[in-house]
């Protein structure tokens, strides 16, 4: 495993709450089957309306996936800026298809996903999301390590490895693959999709990841709500 100059890589990382939006509500997803996503009515928050939901959860950092805009069926542009104003930093994936889709606003960091982005060289800054379905990057079907090894040369500030198939399942990528992905990319790197609890977070931190995006595990109690509010995980 690569040894990084900053020793904090091996012991702590950011913890970011994921919030998927569909049809005006916070929804719970599983395995990326978005047509089956329903409002999150069984979790910690008693409401699935975005502002009310965030008022209860009170995360320090937030990741928003606008599933309607990603699928081309609508958008949540009217509520996202207000949500971003409730947190210190807000990563937003709204299905960018060109730089014209970049959303400006306080606290917002745009996430450009390989699923929709097209030519990655046309963007400048923000976070690249390497979207993985069934172990391969979409579109194109390349391996995550292959894509991450080239991603450092792309015009993004940092990168997210998003295991779409793992969403809501409690099943991450294998630890050996996680280590190989970290070694392939030397900029700031986040992970999302299937993080089950503290043991998974410890593994990601020890592998050198800078952050993890979680949701289901918080609502099921395997990751403390207080950790989301603090915005960090220390292994």
Protein backbone atom coordinates (compact mmCIF):
# COMPACT_ATOMS: atom_id res chain seq x y z
CA UNK A 1 0.00 0.00 0.00
CA UNK A 2 1.21 3.54 -0.75
CA UNK A 3 2.48 5.53 2.22
CA UNK A 4 1.17 9.11 2.12
CA UNK A 5 2.93 12.18 3.40
CA UNK A 6 -0.02 13.12 5.60
CA UNK A 7 -0.29 10.50 8.35
CA UNK A 8 -3.95 11.44 8.92
CA UNK A 9 -4.80 9.41 5.79
CA UNK A 10 -4.42 6.19 7.74
CA UNK A 11 -6.48 7.24 10.77
CA UNK A 12 -9.28 9.65 9.83
CA UNK A 13 -11.46 10.77 6.97
CA UNK A 14 -14.52 12.87 6.17
CA UNK A 15 -17.93 11.30 6.68
CA UNK A 16 -20.59 12.56 4.29
CA UNK A 17 -24.34 11.93 4.39
CA UNK A 18 -25.86 10.85 1.06
CA UNK A 19 -29.27 12.24 0.14
CA UNK A 20 -30.93 10.86 -3.00
CA UNK A 21 -33.74 13.04 -4.36
CA UNK A 22 -36.58 11.80 -6.53
CA UNK A 23 -39.98 13.36 -7.14
CA UNK A 24 -39.39 16.00 -4.47
CA UNK A 25 -38.54 13.55 -1.70
CA UNK A 26 -35.54 11.96 -0.06
CA UNK A 27 -35.63 8.35 -1.24
CA UNK A 28 -33.98 5.11 -0.18
CA UNK A 29 -32.28 3.15 -2.91
CA UNK A 30 -30.84 -0.29 -3.36
CA UNK A 31 -28.50 -1.65 -6.04
CA UNK A 32 -29.10 1.33 -8.33
CA UNK A 33 -32.60 0.17 -9.31
CA UNK A 34 -33.89 3.75 -9.36
CA UNK A 35 -37.38 2.96 -10.64
CA UNK A 36 -38.04 1.15 -7.35
CA UNK A 37 -36.76 3.92 -5.04
CA UNK A 38 -39.39 5.13 -2.58
CA UNK A 39 -39.50 7.99 -0.01
CA UNK A 40 -37.35 7.29 3.03
CA UNK A 41 -40.08 6.90 5.64
CA UNK A 42 -38.48 4.32 7.95
CA UNK A 43 -35.26 6.13 8.89
CA UNK A 44 -34.23 8.49 11.67
CA UNK A 45 -36.05 11.51 10.23
CA UNK A 46 -39.87 11.51 10.46
CA UNK A 47 -40.18 13.33 7.11
CA UNK A 48 -38.82 12.72 3.61
CA UNK A 49 -39.10 16.34 2.49
CA UNK A 50 -35.49 17.49 1.92
CA UNK A 51 -35.35 20.59 4.15
CA UNK A 52 -37.20 18.91 7.02
CA UNK A 53 -35.07 15.81 6.64
CA UNK A 54 -31.83 17.78 6.87
CA UNK A 55 -33.11 19.75 9.85
CA UNK A 56 -33.35 16.45 11.74
CA UNK A 57 -30.18 14.80 10.44
CA UNK A 58 -27.95 17.91 10.74
CA UNK A 59 -24.97 16.55 8.76
CA UNK A 60 -21.77 18.56 8.50
CA UNK A 61 -21.16 17.41 4.92
CA UNK A 62 -23.77 16.38 2.36
CA UNK A 63 -23.83 14.53 -0.97
CA UNK A 64 -26.92 15.05 -3.11
CA UNK A 65 -27.82 12.84 -6.07
CA UNK A 66 -30.63 14.42 -8.10
CA UNK A 67 -31.95 11.18 -9.57
CA UNK A 68 -34.59 12.92 -11.68
CA UNK A 69 -32.03 15.07 -13.41
CA UNK A 70 -29.58 12.18 -13.78
CA UNK A 71 -32.31 10.21 -15.57
CA UNK A 72 -33.52 13.24 -17.55
CA UNK A 73 -37.03 13.34 -16.03
CA UNK A 74 -36.89 16.54 -13.97
CA UNK A 75 -34.75 18.37 -11.44
CA UNK A 76 -34.50 19.59 -7.86
CA UNK A 77 -32.68 22.83 -8.68
CA UNK A 78 -35.24 24.82 -6.66
CA UNK A 79 -34.37 23.08 -3.38
CA UNK A 80 -30.69 22.12 -3.75
CA UNK A 81 -29.27 25.60 -2.99
CA UNK A 82 -31.32 25.74 0.23
CA UNK A 83 -30.06 22.29 1.21
CA UNK A 84 -26.48 23.35 0.48
CA UNK A 85 -26.94 26.34 2.76
CA UNK A 86 -27.65 24.01 5.69
CA UNK A 87 -24.24 22.28 5.56
CA UNK A 88 -20.57 23.19 5.48
CA UNK A 89 -19.93 21.48 2.13
CA UNK A 90 -22.39 20.02 -0.37
CA UNK A 91 -21.37 17.68 -3.19
CA UNK A 92 -24.02 17.69 -5.93
CA UNK A 93 -24.43 15.13 -8.72
CA UNK A 94 -27.19 16.34 -11.01
CA UNK A 95 -26.27 14.34 -14.09
CA UNK A 96 -23.93 16.80 -15.79
CA UNK A 97 -23.81 16.23 -19.54
CA UNK A 98 -21.70 19.31 -20.32
CA UNK A 99 -20.07 22.20 -18.40
CA UNK A 100 -23.30 24.16 -18.97
CA UNK A 101 -24.93 21.90 -16.37
CA UNK A 102 -22.62 23.03 -13.57
CA UNK A 103 -24.65 24.43 -10.66
CA UNK A 104 -23.25 27.51 -8.95
CA UNK A 105 -23.92 28.41 -5.36
CA UNK A 106 -22.51 28.72 -1.86
CA UNK A 107 -21.04 25.54 -0.39
CA UNK A 108 -21.69 23.56 -3.61
CA UNK A 109 -19.07 21.27 -5.16
CA UNK A 110 -20.24 19.85 -8.46
CA UNK A 111 -19.90 16.11 -9.00
CA UNK A 112 -19.46 14.99 -12.60
CA UNK A 113 -20.37 11.32 -13.02
CA UNK A 114 -18.97 9.09 -15.74
CA UNK A 115 -22.52 7.73 -16.19
CA UNK A 116 -23.71 10.94 -17.88
CA UNK A 117 -20.70 13.26 -18.39
CA UNK A 118 -19.55 12.45 -21.92
CA UNK A 119 -16.10 13.87 -22.69
CA UNK A 120 -14.42 14.34 -19.28
CA UNK A 121 -11.82 16.74 -20.67
CA UNK A 122 -14.45 19.44 -21.22
CA UNK A 123 -14.86 20.08 -17.47
CA UNK A 124 -12.77 22.21 -15.14
CA UNK A 125 -12.62 21.46 -11.44
CA UNK A 126 -15.12 19.79 -9.13
CA UNK A 127 -15.27 16.11 -8.30
CA UNK A 128 -15.19 13.24 -10.79
CA UNK A 129 -17.46 10.34 -9.87
CA UNK A 130 -16.26 7.02 -11.26
CA UNK A 131 -19.60 5.21 -11.43
CA UNK A 132 -19.36 1.43 -11.05
CA UNK A 133 -22.08 -1.09 -11.83
CA UNK A 134 -21.46 -4.82 -11.36
CA UNK A 135 -17.74 -4.19 -10.89
CA UNK A 136 -17.15 -2.16 -14.07
CA UNK A 137 -17.19 1.56 -14.82
CA UNK A 138 -20.18 2.90 -16.74
CA UNK A 139 -20.27 3.57 -19.57
CA UNK A 140 -17.58 1.60 -21.36
CA UNK A 141 -17.15 -1.40 -19.07
CA UNK A 142 -13.54 -0.68 -18.07
CA UNK A 143 -12.12 -1.70 -14.71
CA UNK A 144 -12.07 0.86 -11.88
CA UNK A 145 -8.30 0.60 -11.50
CA UNK A 146 -7.78 1.28 -15.19
CA UNK A 147 -9.97 4.38 -15.10
CA UNK A 148 -8.53 5.67 -11.79
CA UNK A 149 -4.97 5.28 -13.06
CA UNK A 150 -5.79 7.78 -15.82
CA UNK A 151 -8.06 10.06 -13.78
CA UNK A 152 -5.30 12.06 -12.08
CA UNK A 153 -4.55 13.71 -15.43
CA UNK A 154 -8.16 14.82 -15.88
CA UNK A 155 -9.14 18.41 -14.92
CA UNK A 156 -10.84 17.54 -11.61
CA UNK A 157 -9.83 18.42 -8.06
CA UNK A 158 -10.73 15.06 -6.52
CA UNK A 159 -12.52 11.81 -7.23
CA UNK A 160 -15.35 9.65 -5.90
CA UNK A 161 -15.54 5.90 -6.42
CA UNK A 162 -19.30 5.23 -6.46
CA UNK A 163 -20.26 1.57 -6.29
CA UNK A 164 -23.84 1.92 -7.54
CA UNK A 165 -24.56 -1.80 -7.22
CA UNK A 166 -23.61 -1.64 -3.54
CA UNK A 167 -26.02 1.19 -2.64
CA UNK A 168 -28.32 0.13 0.19
CA UNK A 169 -26.90 -3.40 0.38
CA UNK A 170 -24.17 -3.12 3.01
CA UNK A 171 -21.71 -4.69 0.58
CA UNK A 172 -18.63 -2.73 -0.47
CA UNK A 173 -16.09 -3.61 -3.11
CA UNK A 174 -13.48 -6.12 -1.96
CA UNK A 175 -10.76 -4.71 0.26
CA UNK A 176 -8.06 -5.78 -2.18
CA UNK A 177 -9.79 -3.81 -4.95
CA UNK A 178 -10.25 -0.82 -2.65
CA UNK A 179 -6.51 -0.82 -1.93
CA UNK A 180 -5.69 -1.13 -5.65
CA UNK A 181 -8.02 1.79 -6.45
CA UNK A 182 -6.37 3.96 -3.81
CA UNK A 183 -2.92 3.15 -5.16
CA UNK A 184 -4.04 4.03 -8.70
CA UNK A 185 -5.12 7.59 -7.80
CA UNK A 186 -3.00 9.97 -5.73
CA UNK A 187 -5.35 12.96 -5.38
CA UNK A 188 -8.14 13.24 -2.80
CA UNK A 189 -10.38 10.18 -3.08
CA UNK A 190 -13.82 9.37 -1.63
CA UNK A 191 -15.83 6.15 -1.59
CA UNK A 192 -19.57 5.52 -1.64
CA UNK A 193 -21.90 2.53 -2.00
CA UNK A 194 -22.54 -0.32 0.42
CA UNK A 195 -20.65 0.93 3.48
CA UNK A 196 -22.11 -1.21 6.27
CA UNK A 197 -20.57 0.17 9.43
CA UNK A 198 -17.48 0.96 11.42
CA UNK A 199 -15.43 -1.97 10.15
CA UNK A 200 -15.86 -0.84 6.52
CA UNK A 201 -15.01 2.73 7.47
CA UNK A 202 -11.88 1.56 9.28
CA UNK A 203 -10.79 -0.34 6.17
CA UNK A 204 -11.34 2.66 3.93
CA UNK A 205 -9.42 4.91 6.30
CA UNK A 206 -6.54 2.46 6.60
CA UNK A 207 -6.40 2.15 2.80
CA UNK A 208 -5.91 5.92 2.58
CA UNK A 209 -9.32 7.19 1.47
CA UNK A 210 -10.13 10.80 2.33
CA UNK A 211 -13.86 10.35 2.83
CA UNK A 212 -16.84 8.02 2.74
CA UNK A 213 -20.43 8.67 1.67
CA UNK A 214 -23.05 6.83 3.74
CA UNK A 215 -26.79 6.79 4.36
CA UNK A 216 -28.46 3.41 4.95
CA UNK A 217 -26.00 2.45 7.68
CA UNK A 218 -26.82 5.65 9.57
CA UNK A 219 -30.54 4.95 9.50
CA UNK A 220 -29.95 1.35 10.58
CA UNK A 221 -27.73 2.46 13.44
CA UNK A 222 -24.50 0.76 12.37
CA UNK A 223 -22.89 4.20 11.90
CA UNK A 224 -23.66 6.72 14.67
CA UNK A 225 -25.69 9.77 13.71
CA UNK A 226 -23.26 11.84 15.78
CA UNK A 227 -20.42 10.86 13.42
CA UNK A 228 -22.36 12.33 10.50
CA UNK A 229 -22.93 15.51 12.48
CA UNK A 230 -19.22 15.72 13.29
CA UNK A 231 -18.37 14.94 9.67
CA UNK A 232 -15.46 12.67 10.44
CA UNK A 233 -14.51 9.09 11.20
CA UNK A 234 -11.42 8.15 13.19
CA UNK A 235 -10.23 4.55 13.09
